[in-house]
C-alpha atoms as a PDB file:
ATOM      1  CA  MET A   1       0.000   0.000   0.000  1.00  0.00           C
ATOM      2  CA  GLU A   2       1.485   3.309  -1.138  1.00  0.00           C
ATOM      3  CA  ILE A   3       0.517   6.807   0.022  1.00  0.00           C
ATOM      4  CA  LYS A   4       0.428   8.050  -3.604  1.00  0.00           C
ATOM      5  CA  GLU A   5      -2.190   5.453  -4.557  1.00  0.00           C
ATOM      6  CA  PHE A   6      -4.146   6.179  -1.368  1.00  0.00           C
ATOM      7  CA  ILE A   7      -4.252   9.900  -2.219  1.00  0.00           C
ATOM      8  CA  GLU A   8      -5.484   9.092  -5.744  1.00  0.00           C
ATOM      9  CA  ASN A   9      -8.292   6.940  -4.329  1.00  0.00           C
ATOM     10  CA  PHE A  10      -9.028   9.594  -1.688  1.00  0.00           C
ATOM     11  CA  ALA A  11      -9.199  12.298  -4.395  1.00  0.00           C
ATOM     12  CA  ASP A  12     -11.758  10.249  -6.334  1.00  0.00           C
ATOM     13  CA  GLN A  13     -14.256  10.918  -3.528  1.00  0.00           C
ATOM     14  CA  PHE A  14     -14.264  14.653  -4.321  1.00  0.00           C
ATOM     15  CA  ASP A  15     -16.035  16.317  -7.249  1.00  0.00           C
ATOM     16  CA  GLU A  16     -14.493  19.789  -7.130  1.00  0.00           C
ATOM     17  CA  THR A  17     -11.200  19.382  -5.267  1.00  0.00           C
ATOM     18  CA  ASP A  18      -8.263  18.826  -7.614  1.00  0.00           C
ATOM     19  CA  ILE A  19      -5.828  16.041  -6.771  1.00  0.00           C
ATOM     20  CA  SER A  20      -2.977  18.575  -6.934  1.00  0.00           C
ATOM     21  CA  GLU A  21      -4.357  20.099  -3.695  1.00  0.00           C
ATOM     22  CA  LEU A  22      -4.030  16.781  -1.866  1.00  0.00           C
ATOM     23  CA  LYS A  23      -0.711  15.887  -0.281  1.00  0.00           C
ATOM     24  CA  PRO A  24       0.127  13.609   2.664  1.00  0.00           C
ATOM     25  CA  GLU A  25       0.208  16.648   4.982  1.00  0.00           C
ATOM     26  CA  THR A  26      -3.143  18.056   3.760  1.00  0.00           C
ATOM     27  CA  GLU A  27      -5.592  18.585   6.625  1.00  0.00           C
ATOM     28  CA  PHE A  28      -8.527  17.059   4.788  1.00  0.00           C
ATOM     29  CA  LYS A  29     -11.241  18.303   7.160  1.00  0.00           C
ATOM     30  CA  GLU A  30     -10.210  21.869   6.250  1.00  0.00           C
ATOM     31  CA  LEU A  31     -11.082  21.319   2.565  1.00  0.00           C
ATOM     32  CA  ASP A  32     -14.129  23.308   1.442  1.00  0.00           C
ATOM     33  CA  GLU A  33     -15.719  20.225  -0.052  1.00  0.00           C
ATOM     34  CA  TRP A  34     -15.270  17.974   3.031  1.00  0.00           C
ATOM     35  CA  SER A  35     -18.572  16.715   4.442  1.00  0.00           C
ATOM     36  CA  SER A  36     -20.048  13.790   6.312  1.00  0.00           C
ATOM     37  CA  LEU A  37     -21.129  12.346   2.958  1.00  0.00           C
ATOM     38  CA  ILE A  38     -17.537  12.368   1.707  1.00  0.00           C
ATOM     39  CA  ALA A  39     -16.455  10.788   5.005  1.00  0.00           C
ATOM     40  CA  LEU A  40     -18.873   7.921   4.297  1.00  0.00           C
ATOM     41  CA  SER A  41     -17.501   7.665   0.750  1.00  0.00           C
ATOM     42  CA  VAL A  42     -13.953   7.439   2.134  1.00  0.00           C
ATOM     43  CA  ILE A  43     -15.013   4.659   4.535  1.00  0.00           C
ATOM     44  CA  ALA A  44     -16.584   2.759   1.608  1.00  0.00           C
ATOM     45  CA  MET A  45     -13.523   3.346  -0.611  1.00  0.00           C
ATOM     46  CA  VAL A  46     -11.153   2.018   2.070  1.00  0.00           C
ATOM     47  CA  ASP A  47     -13.322  -1.077   2.482  1.00  0.00           C
ATOM     48  CA  GLU A  48     -13.500  -1.682  -1.274  1.00  0.00           C
ATOM     49  CA  GLU A  49      -9.906  -0.861  -2.248  1.00  0.00           C
ATOM     50  CA  TYR A  50      -8.015  -2.149   0.796  1.00  0.00           C
ATOM     51  CA  ASP A  51     -10.468  -4.593   2.408  1.00  0.00           C
ATOM     52  CA  VAL A  52     -10.105  -2.667   5.680  1.00  0.00           C
ATOM     53  CA  ALA A  53     -12.988  -1.528   7.878  1.00  0.00           C
ATOM     54  CA  ILE A  54     -12.470   1.921   9.344  1.00  0.00           C
ATOM     55  CA  LYS A  55     -14.929   3.810  11.502  1.00  0.00           C
ATOM     56  CA  GLY A  56     -15.900   7.411  12.010  1.00  0.00           C
ATOM     57  CA  ASP A  57     -13.532   7.496  14.997  1.00  0.00           C
ATOM     58  CA  ASP A  58     -10.612   6.717  12.678  1.00  0.00           C
ATOM     59  CA  ILE A  59     -11.536   9.745  10.572  1.00  0.00           C
ATOM     60  CA  ARG A  60     -12.193  11.952  13.626  1.00  0.00           C
ATOM     61  CA  ASN A  61      -8.809  10.998  15.101  1.00  0.00           C
ATOM     62  CA  SER A  62      -6.984  11.785  11.839  1.00  0.00           C
ATOM     63  CA  THR A  63      -5.904  15.303  10.950  1.00  0.00           C
ATOM     64  CA  THR A  64      -3.985  14.768   7.717  1.00  0.00           C
ATOM     65  CA  ILE A  65      -4.388  12.379   4.812  1.00  0.00           C
ATOM     66  CA  GLU A  66      -1.212  10.662   6.005  1.00  0.00           C
ATOM     67  CA  ASP A  67      -2.766  10.139   9.464  1.00  0.00           C
ATOM     68  CA  LEU A  68      -5.721   8.416   7.827  1.00  0.00           C
ATOM     69  CA  PHE A  69      -3.407   6.398   5.546  1.00  0.00           C
ATOM     70  CA  ASN A  70      -1.447   5.210   8.598  1.00  0.00           C
ATOM     71  CA  ALA A  71      -4.690   4.218  10.367  1.00  0.00           C
ATOM     72  CA  VAL A  72      -5.734   2.150   7.346  1.00  0.00           C
ATOM     73  CA  LYS A  73      -2.261   0.643   6.987  1.00  0.00           C
ATOM     74  CA  ALA A  74      -2.246  -0.363  10.666  1.00  0.00           C
ATOM     75  CA  LYS A  75      -5.471  -2.339  10.150  1.00  0.00           C
ATOM     76  CA  ALA A  76      -4.432  -3.946   6.862  1.00  0.00           C
END
């Protein structure tokens, strides 16, 4: 599992946010487009792409995309 691939999959959940704005250190909850619906999409994407079940707490406890990536990686 690579962070670059994770960011690409993460970016696919957004309609208006360009992938160039997303880096490992991006604080994703600060993005204009971030919403609870996108959070649910991210949970579904992680389950589908990585066969890992994350919860809302994992998202709440993550600040950056890298934090979330590390949470997923720890459960993989």
